[in-house]
Protein backbone atom coordinates (compact mmCIF):
# COMPACT_ATOMS: atom_id res chain seq x y z
CA UNK A 1 -0.10 0.03 -0.02
CA UNK A 2 2.79 2.34 0.99
CA UNK A 3 4.62 1.44 -2.30
CA UNK A 4 1.59 2.09 -4.39
CA UNK A 5 1.31 5.60 -2.92
CA UNK A 6 4.97 6.42 -3.32
CA UNK A 7 5.42 5.02 -6.83
CA UNK A 8 3.82 7.84 -8.75
CA UNK A 9 5.91 10.33 -6.88
CA UNK A 10 9.07 8.43 -7.81
CA UNK A 11 8.08 8.16 -11.37
CA UNK A 12 7.36 11.92 -11.51
CA UNK A 13 10.76 12.52 -9.91
CA UNK A 14 12.57 10.39 -12.43
CA UNK A 15 10.66 12.22 -15.27
CA UNK A 16 11.53 15.64 -13.90
CA UNK A 17 15.15 14.53 -13.20
CA UNK A 18 15.58 13.36 -16.87
CA UNK A 19 14.04 16.48 -18.14
CA UNK A 20 16.40 18.42 -15.98
CA UNK A 21 19.41 16.50 -17.24
CA UNK A 22 18.25 17.08 -20.84
CA UNK A 23 17.82 20.79 -20.07
CA UNK A 24 21.23 20.90 -18.44
CA UNK A 25 22.75 19.15 -21.40
CA UNK A 26 21.13 21.65 -23.73
CA UNK A 27 22.33 24.53 -21.71
CA UNK A 28 25.92 23.12 -21.53
CA UNK A 29 25.91 22.80 -25.25
CA UNK A 30 24.59 26.26 -25.64
CA UNK A 31 27.24 27.59 -23.15
CA UNK A 32 30.03 25.73 -24.89
CA UNK A 33 29.05 27.45 -28.30
CA UNK A 34 29.57 30.83 -26.65
CA UNK A 35 33.32 31.03 -25.99
CA UNK A 36 34.56 33.76 -23.69
CA UNK A 37 37.97 35.44 -23.40
CA UNK A 38 39.91 36.62 -20.54
CA UNK A 39 42.70 39.00 -21.87
CA UNK A 40 45.46 39.42 -19.21
CA UNK A 41 48.36 41.79 -19.37
CA UNK A 42 51.55 41.25 -17.46
CA UNK A 43 53.15 44.57 -17.87
CA UNK A 44 56.86 44.51 -18.92
CA UNK A 45 56.96 40.57 -18.92
CA UNK A 46 59.84 39.93 -21.32
CA UNK A 47 59.47 37.16 -23.88
CA UNK A 48 62.31 35.05 -22.36
CA UNK A 49 61.33 35.20 -18.71
CA UNK A 50 59.70 31.75 -18.97
CA UNK A 51 63.20 30.21 -19.75
CA UNK A 52 65.19 32.50 -17.41
CA UNK A 53 63.02 32.14 -14.34
CA UNK A 54 60.74 29.84 -12.57
CA UNK A 55 57.15 29.84 -14.01
CA UNK A 56 55.57 26.37 -13.87
CA UNK A 57 51.98 27.61 -14.30
CA UNK A 58 52.74 29.85 -17.29
CA UNK A 59 54.82 27.12 -18.87
CA UNK A 60 51.94 24.57 -18.43
CA UNK A 61 49.54 27.08 -19.77
CA UNK A 62 51.71 27.38 -23.00
CA UNK A 63 51.92 23.63 -23.28
CA UNK A 64 48.18 23.48 -23.14
CA UNK A 65 47.80 26.02 -25.90
CA UNK A 66 49.77 28.38 -28.10
CA UNK A 67 52.88 30.62 -27.50
CA UNK A 68 54.68 33.02 -29.82
CA UNK A 69 58.44 33.48 -30.02
CA UNK A 70 57.76 36.96 -28.86
CA UNK A 71 55.02 39.70 -29.05
CA UNK A 72 56.25 42.74 -30.93
CA UNK A 73 55.42 46.13 -29.44
CA UNK A 74 54.25 49.01 -31.40
CA UNK A 75 56.51 52.14 -31.49
CA UNK A 76 57.25 53.52 -28.99
CA UNK A 77 57.53 50.45 -26.69
CA UNK A 78 55.69 52.28 -23.90
CA UNK A 79 52.92 51.03 -21.68
CA UNK A 80 49.87 53.21 -22.51
CA UNK A 81 50.66 53.24 -26.24
CA UNK A 82 50.82 49.46 -26.45
CA UNK A 83 47.99 48.65 -24.10
CA UNK A 84 45.77 50.87 -26.17
CA UNK A 85 47.00 49.22 -29.39
CA UNK A 86 46.21 45.81 -28.11
CA UNK A 87 42.82 46.70 -27.16
CA UNK A 88 41.84 48.69 -30.40
CA UNK A 89 44.03 46.92 -32.97
CA UNK A 90 45.35 50.21 -34.10
CA UNK A 91 48.72 51.87 -34.24
CA UNK A 92 49.33 54.72 -31.86
CA UNK A 93 49.26 57.26 -34.71
CA UNK A 94 45.72 56.02 -35.47
CA UNK A 95 44.30 55.91 -31.85
CA UNK A 96 46.02 58.92 -30.43
CA UNK A 97 47.72 57.55 -27.31
CA UNK A 98 51.21 57.98 -28.83
CA UNK A 99 53.08 57.42 -25.61
CA UNK A 100 52.79 57.58 -21.80
CA UNK A 101 53.13 61.35 -22.00
CA UNK A 102 52.68 63.83 -24.90
CA UNK A 103 51.62 67.23 -25.94
CA UNK A 104 48.45 67.90 -27.90
CA UNK A 105 48.92 71.16 -29.92
CA UNK A 106 45.17 71.41 -30.84
CA UNK A 107 44.06 70.83 -27.27
CA UNK A 108 46.92 72.83 -25.78
CA UNK A 109 47.29 70.36 -23.13
CA UNK A 110 49.77 67.57 -22.01
CA UNK A 111 48.61 63.95 -21.51
CA UNK A 112 50.24 61.99 -18.67
CA UNK A 113 49.43 58.45 -17.75
CA UNK A 114 49.82 59.52 -14.10
CA UNK A 115 46.93 61.99 -14.39
CA UNK A 116 43.75 60.42 -13.19
CA UNK A 117 41.73 63.15 -15.01
CA UNK A 118 43.29 62.40 -18.37
CA UNK A 119 42.45 58.65 -17.93
CA UNK A 120 38.90 59.62 -17.61
CA UNK A 121 38.77 62.21 -20.31
CA UNK A 122 37.34 60.73 -23.56
CA UNK A 123 39.10 63.44 -25.61
CA UNK A 124 42.37 61.63 -25.56
CA UNK A 125 41.14 58.13 -26.45
CA UNK A 126 40.52 57.45 -30.17
CA UNK A 127 39.57 54.22 -31.88
CA UNK A 128 37.17 51.63 -30.57
CA UNK A 129 38.40 49.46 -27.58
CA UNK A 130 37.27 45.91 -27.40
CA UNK A 131 34.94 46.35 -24.56
CA UNK A 132 32.98 48.82 -26.78
CA UNK A 133 33.04 46.58 -29.82
CA UNK A 134 31.64 43.80 -27.57
CA UNK A 135 29.01 45.75 -25.82
CA UNK A 136 27.72 47.24 -29.13
CA UNK A 137 26.86 43.80 -30.16
CA UNK A 138 24.86 43.00 -27.05
CA UNK A 139 27.53 40.98 -25.15
CA UNK A 140 28.65 41.99 -21.70
CA UNK A 141 32.29 43.01 -21.25
CA UNK A 142 34.43 43.81 -18.10
CA UNK A 143 37.69 45.50 -17.41
CA UNK A 144 39.89 45.44 -14.30
CA UNK A 145 42.43 48.29 -14.72
CA UNK A 146 43.18 48.10 -18.38
CA UNK A 147 44.39 51.52 -19.67
CA UNK A 148 41.54 53.46 -21.22
CA UNK A 149 38.78 51.64 -19.53
CA UNK A 150 37.87 54.47 -17.14
CA UNK A 151 37.03 56.92 -20.04
CA UNK A 152 33.57 57.12 -21.67
CA UNK A 153 34.82 56.38 -25.11
CA UNK A 154 32.29 57.08 -27.98
CA UNK A 155 29.69 57.16 -25.20
CA UNK A 156 30.42 53.62 -23.88
CA UNK A 157 32.24 51.80 -21.22
CA UNK A 158 32.29 48.12 -20.26
CA UNK A 159 29.38 47.00 -18.19
CA UNK A 160 31.84 46.20 -15.39
CA UNK A 161 34.97 48.31 -14.80
CA UNK A 162 37.26 49.35 -12.03
CA UNK A 163 38.84 52.81 -11.31
CA UNK A 164 42.65 52.09 -11.06
CA UNK A 165 44.02 51.46 -7.68
CA UNK A 166 47.45 49.98 -7.61
CA UNK A 167 46.89 48.86 -3.96
CA UNK A 168 44.49 46.17 -4.96
CA UNK A 169 46.19 42.89 -4.35
CA UNK A 170 46.78 40.74 -7.45
CA UNK A 171 44.99 37.73 -5.95
CA UNK A 172 42.03 39.95 -5.13
CA UNK A 173 41.96 40.85 -8.85
CA UNK A 174 41.72 37.16 -9.75
CA UNK A 175 39.00 36.65 -7.16
CA UNK A 176 36.91 39.41 -8.77
CA UNK A 177 37.47 38.07 -12.33
CA UNK A 178 36.35 34.59 -11.18
CA UNK A 179 33.28 36.05 -9.38
CA UNK A 180 32.27 37.68 -12.75
CA UNK A 181 32.19 34.24 -14.27
CA UNK A 182 29.56 33.16 -11.90
CA UNK A 183 27.10 35.94 -12.69
CA UNK A 184 23.68 35.16 -14.21
CA UNK A 185 23.94 34.70 -17.99
CA UNK A 186 22.29 38.04 -18.74
CA UNK A 187 24.97 39.72 -16.53
CA UNK A 188 28.07 37.47 -17.13
CA UNK A 189 30.77 39.15 -19.31
CA UNK A 190 32.03 37.11 -22.18
CA UNK A 191 35.03 39.41 -22.62
CA UNK A 192 37.21 40.37 -19.54
CA UNK A 193 40.46 42.43 -19.72
CA UNK A 194 42.60 42.70 -16.69
CA UNK A 195 46.15 44.03 -15.87
CA UNK A 196 49.13 43.36 -13.46
CA UNK A 197 51.97 45.85 -13.16
CA UNK A 198 54.44 44.02 -10.77
CA UNK A 199 56.91 42.67 -13.46
CA UNK A 200 57.20 46.23 -14.91
CA UNK A 201 57.64 47.89 -11.60
CA UNK A 202 60.28 45.49 -10.37
CA UNK A 203 61.97 45.35 -13.81
CA UNK A 204 62.41 49.11 -13.85
CA UNK A 205 63.65 49.26 -10.30
CA UNK A 206 66.09 46.28 -10.31
CA UNK A 207 66.63 45.32 -13.86
CA UNK A 208 65.59 42.30 -15.93
CA UNK A 209 68.56 40.14 -14.77
CA UNK A 210 67.85 40.62 -11.02
CA UNK A 211 66.79 38.23 -8.30
CA UNK A 212 63.86 40.70 -7.58
CA UNK A 213 62.47 40.23 -11.02
CA UNK A 214 62.79 36.38 -10.59
CA UNK A 215 60.56 36.75 -7.57
CA UNK A 216 58.13 38.95 -9.34
CA UNK A 217 57.91 36.32 -12.14
CA UNK A 218 57.26 33.56 -9.63
CA UNK A 219 54.53 35.82 -8.00
CA UNK A 220 52.58 36.47 -11.28
CA UNK A 221 52.97 32.76 -12.22
CA UNK A 222 51.24 31.91 -8.90
CA UNK A 223 48.53 34.47 -9.54
CA UNK A 224 47.74 33.14 -12.97
CA UNK A 225 47.92 29.70 -11.69
CA UNK A 226 45.13 30.54 -9.22
CA UNK A 227 43.04 31.78 -12.10
CA UNK A 228 43.51 28.67 -14.12
CA UNK A 229 42.71 26.54 -11.15
CA UNK A 230 39.63 28.55 -10.40
CA UNK A 231 38.32 28.25 -14.02
CA UNK A 232 39.10 24.39 -13.90
CA UNK A 233 37.15 23.91 -10.63
CA UNK A 234 34.14 25.92 -11.97
CA UNK A 235 34.03 23.49 -14.98
CA UNK A 236 34.59 26.34 -17.52
CA UNK A 237 37.83 25.26 -19.08
CA UNK A 238 35.97 24.18 -22.28
CA UNK A 239 34.38 27.65 -22.56
CA UNK A 240 36.98 30.13 -21.36
CA UNK A 241 39.93 31.17 -23.56
CA UNK A 242 42.86 32.74 -21.76
CA UNK A 243 45.08 35.16 -23.64
CA UNK A 244 48.19 36.30 -21.80
CA UNK A 245 50.16 39.27 -23.13
CA UNK A 246 52.67 41.77 -22.25
CA UNK A 247 52.98 45.26 -23.59
CA UNK A 248 56.78 45.25 -24.04
CA UNK A 249 59.95 43.68 -22.64
CA UNK A 250 62.67 45.27 -20.59
CA UNK A 251 66.36 46.13 -21.14
CA UNK A 252 69.21 46.88 -18.67
CA UNK A 253 70.24 50.45 -18.43
CA UNK A 254 73.25 51.73 -16.61
CA UNK A 255 73.84 54.90 -14.66
CA UNK A 256 77.09 55.73 -16.37
CA UNK A 257 75.48 55.57 -19.86
CA UNK A 258 73.66 58.89 -19.98
CA UNK A 259 73.10 61.41 -22.80
CA UNK A 260 72.36 64.97 -21.52
CA UNK A 261 70.03 67.10 -23.72
CA UNK A 262 71.00 70.18 -21.86
CA UNK A 263 74.56 69.87 -23.00
CA UNK A 264 73.24 70.30 -26.51
CA UNK A 265 70.29 72.63 -26.48
CA UNK A 266 68.61 75.12 -24.20
CA UNK A 267 66.06 72.88 -22.75
CA UNK A 268 64.00 76.00 -21.54
CA UNK A 269 63.39 76.95 -25.13
CA UNK A 270 61.51 73.77 -25.90
CA UNK A 271 58.95 71.52 -24.36
CA UNK A 272 60.39 68.20 -23.41
CA UNK A 273 58.46 65.21 -22.21
CA UNK A 274 61.33 63.17 -20.81
CA UNK A 275 60.44 59.56 -21.33
CA UNK A 276 63.82 58.10 -21.89
CA UNK A 277 64.90 56.29 -24.09
CA UNK A 278 62.14 57.80 -26.27
CA UNK A 279 62.10 61.65 -25.82
CA UNK A 280 59.50 63.92 -27.44
CA UNK A 281 60.41 67.66 -28.15
CA UNK A 282 57.98 70.45 -29.09
CA UNK A 283 59.48 73.76 -30.00
CA UNK A 284 57.94 76.82 -28.47
CA UNK A 285 58.76 79.22 -31.37
CA UNK A 286 58.49 77.00 -34.34
CA UNK A 287 62.33 76.66 -34.91
CA UNK A 288 62.14 72.82 -35.61
CA UNK A 289 64.92 72.76 -38.15
CA UNK A 290 67.23 74.75 -35.95
CA UNK A 291 66.73 72.41 -33.01
CA UNK A 292 66.93 69.27 -35.14
CA UNK A 293 70.19 70.40 -36.77
CA UNK A 294 71.63 71.10 -33.33
CA UNK A 295 70.74 67.55 -32.07
CA UNK A 296 71.36 65.34 -34.99
CA UNK A 297 74.72 63.50 -34.92
CA UNK A 298 75.54 64.96 -31.63
CA UNK A 299 75.94 61.64 -29.93
CA UNK A 300 76.69 58.27 -31.57
CA UNK A 301 74.10 56.45 -29.48
CA UNK A 302 71.22 58.89 -30.07
CA UNK A 303 69.13 58.86 -33.15
CA UNK A 304 67.21 62.20 -33.95
CA UNK A 305 64.19 62.40 -36.22
CA UNK A 306 61.60 65.01 -37.17
CA UNK A 307 58.11 63.75 -37.37
CA UNK A 308 58.48 63.74 -41.09
CA UNK A 309 61.49 61.56 -41.27
CA UNK A 310 60.69 58.88 -38.65
CA UNK A 311 61.34 55.41 -40.17
CA UNK A 312 58.35 54.11 -42.02
CA UNK A 313 58.43 50.84 -40.21
CA UNK A 314 57.47 52.65 -36.92
CA UNK A 315 54.00 53.46 -38.46
CA UNK A 316 54.40 56.71 -36.48
CA UNK A 317 53.19 59.42 -38.84
CA UNK A 318 50.03 61.56 -39.57
CA UNK A 319 49.02 62.43 -35.94
CA UNK A 320 49.45 66.04 -34.66
CA UNK A 321 50.35 64.62 -31.23
CA UNK A 322 53.55 63.04 -32.64
CA UNK A 323 56.44 65.28 -31.42
CA UNK A 324 58.09 67.66 -33.77
CA UNK A 325 61.43 66.14 -32.80
CA UNK A 326 62.13 62.58 -31.57
CA UNK A 327 65.30 61.39 -29.84
CA UNK A 328 65.84 57.69 -29.38
CA UNK A 329 68.72 55.76 -27.91
CA UNK A 330 69.62 52.10 -27.49
CA UNK A 331 70.32 49.85 -24.34
CA UNK A 332 72.10 50.47 -22.00
CA UNK A 333 71.82 54.15 -22.65
CA UNK A 334 69.33 56.78 -21.39
CA UNK A 335 68.48 60.32 -22.48
CA UNK A 336 67.89 62.89 -19.69
CA UNK A 337 69.08 66.30 -18.47
CA UNK A 338 71.63 66.98 -15.84
CA UNK A 339 69.00 68.61 -13.59
CA UNK A 340 66.87 65.43 -13.78
CA UNK A 341 69.82 63.16 -13.15
CA UNK A 342 70.92 65.30 -10.15
CA UNK A 343 67.48 65.35 -8.61
CA UNK A 344 66.91 61.51 -8.98
CA UNK A 345 70.57 60.28 -8.52
CA UNK A 346 69.38 58.15 -5.56
CA UNK A 347 66.58 56.54 -7.46
CA UNK A 348 68.25 55.15 -10.47
CA UNK A 349 66.30 52.65 -12.41
CA UNK A 350 68.17 49.60 -13.89
CA UNK A 351 65.53 48.60 -16.45
CA UNK A 352 63.88 50.51 -19.27
CA UNK A 353 61.75 50.20 -22.36
CA UNK A 354 60.54 52.51 -25.12
CA UNK A 355 63.40 51.48 -27.38
CA UNK A 356 63.06 50.41 -31.00
CA UNK A 357 60.57 47.51 -30.98
CA UNK A 358 62.96 45.43 -33.15
CA UNK A 359 65.54 45.41 -30.25
CA UNK A 360 65.31 41.86 -28.90
CA UNK A 361 64.81 42.87 -25.21
CA UNK A 362 61.63 44.72 -26.16
CA UNK A 363 59.94 41.48 -27.08
CA UNK A 364 56.87 40.66 -24.96
CA UNK A 365 54.89 37.49 -24.07
CA UNK A 366 52.01 35.86 -25.83
CA UNK A 367 50.44 32.70 -24.56
CA UNK A 368 46.87 31.61 -25.51
CA UNK A 369 44.97 28.56 -24.20
CA UNK A 370 41.42 27.31 -24.40
CA UNK A 371 38.94 25.51 -26.63
CA UNK A 372 39.62 27.63 -29.67
CA UNK A 373 43.48 27.12 -29.64
CA UNK A 374 45.66 24.30 -30.81
CA UNK A 375 47.73 22.60 -28.20
CA UNK A 376 51.46 22.79 -27.80
CA UNK A 377 52.19 25.12 -30.70
CA UNK A 378 54.90 27.75 -31.04
CA UNK A 379 54.05 30.44 -33.66
CA UNK A 380 56.38 33.19 -35.04
CA UNK A 381 56.64 36.62 -33.46
CA UNK A 382 53.88 39.04 -34.49
CA UNK A 383 52.77 42.68 -33.68
CA UNK A 384 50.30 43.15 -30.83
CA UNK A 385 47.77 45.06 -33.15
CA UNK A 386 46.50 41.69 -34.32
CA UNK A 387 44.99 40.60 -30.96
CA UNK A 388 41.93 42.76 -31.33
CA UNK A 389 40.91 40.85 -34.50
CA UNK A 390 41.67 37.48 -32.59
CA UNK A 391 39.34 38.32 -29.80
CA UNK A 392 36.60 39.42 -32.15
CA UNK A 393 37.02 36.07 -34.02
CA UNK A 394 36.67 34.05 -30.93
CA UNK A 395 33.56 35.97 -29.73
CA UNK A 396 32.02 35.73 -33.25
CA UNK A 397 31.58 39.56 -33.46
CA UNK A 398 32.28 42.05 -36.18
CA UNK A 399 35.38 44.11 -35.59
CA UNK A 400 35.61 47.87 -35.88
CA UNK A 401 38.14 49.25 -38.38
CA UNK A 402 41.55 48.21 -37.27
CA UNK A 403 45.22 47.68 -38.41
CA UNK A 404 45.26 43.99 -37.56
CA UNK A 405 44.68 40.74 -39.39
CA UNK A 406 43.24 37.49 -38.13
CA UNK A 407 45.33 35.38 -40.64
CA UNK A 408 48.34 35.81 -38.33
CA UNK A 409 46.70 33.24 -36.15
CA UNK A 410 45.88 30.64 -38.85
CA UNK A 411 48.29 28.12 -37.36
CA UNK A 412 47.23 28.79 -33.81
CA UNK A 413 43.36 28.38 -33.84
CA UNK A 414 41.33 25.28 -34.66
């Protein structure tokens, strides 16, 4: 009698359970068809740090996916110019963030990456960043500290974004990224960009050959390991594609290898944004030819260009923000002024970037792993402007106008 009463309930439970399994299976298939991307920047992580230092998680990730011999920076190999090229697929001359600091003659203002107001001012930021491309096509995007993500560009931001705060622990950043992956489907971002600065900061202070940079590499390796572990534990490894990049490498610079501009010109007669080894000069009275002729061939380790005769391979022409005169040196040299060197003599930095991107030490990192990518492949070096097209391809969305080409990744994607 008891069995007869319970049996219909059991049968109904089985039917609902099977229906639920079928629904879950359908949902899983639907989710799997919607690949997501986490784009991670390890600022200043040089292409060869994996071989030089201990990074078991990054090495394992590369074996699970694709790695390039190096990631080639755009010119100049500076942080903001390259991060914004990665996220827009445009050369700096096309998106307007031509370096970390520069003068805008039309706006009559200087941009500085350290200026929080400039980071929020949409005037500076041209092109279309990935989070805008994604959001315009009804997909949620998120950004955790990527340069440019605080500005309302073309009237848009990512649905989820954070105002930059370098005090936020790296593991906390990963916890937030993982929490975004647990949001309801209508809120969950399919594109996430996040940023870590430690390898750049330590590389500058101590140099790329130091024990300190070894420890920094081990730290970010552990941080990325926690992300991969979290994704695996959530059962999302067949949906999430991880793309690890760096904006540039790092070269050793020495305190006895200095080029002093004030030994050559009156620095008070020009506007200098001192970003050694790439230095931009704007004249105050239009005497460009005079200043150029004074500087050119003055030092065997310093190349001097006007904005008109910059090498074509730099793709650094056609934007009014490009300096009237550009001075560029090579490792281990720095360009500075005697006053600057005197004021900061006790804070010498032993690592630098901003050099010609063809210099080997400027090579960055590219690792990509996930359901879209082949396994255990090494591909040739390529310029970072192509990553925008790659992310659009993975998400199945239409890219905005850009300078990249998805064909670069033909041997890397399934």
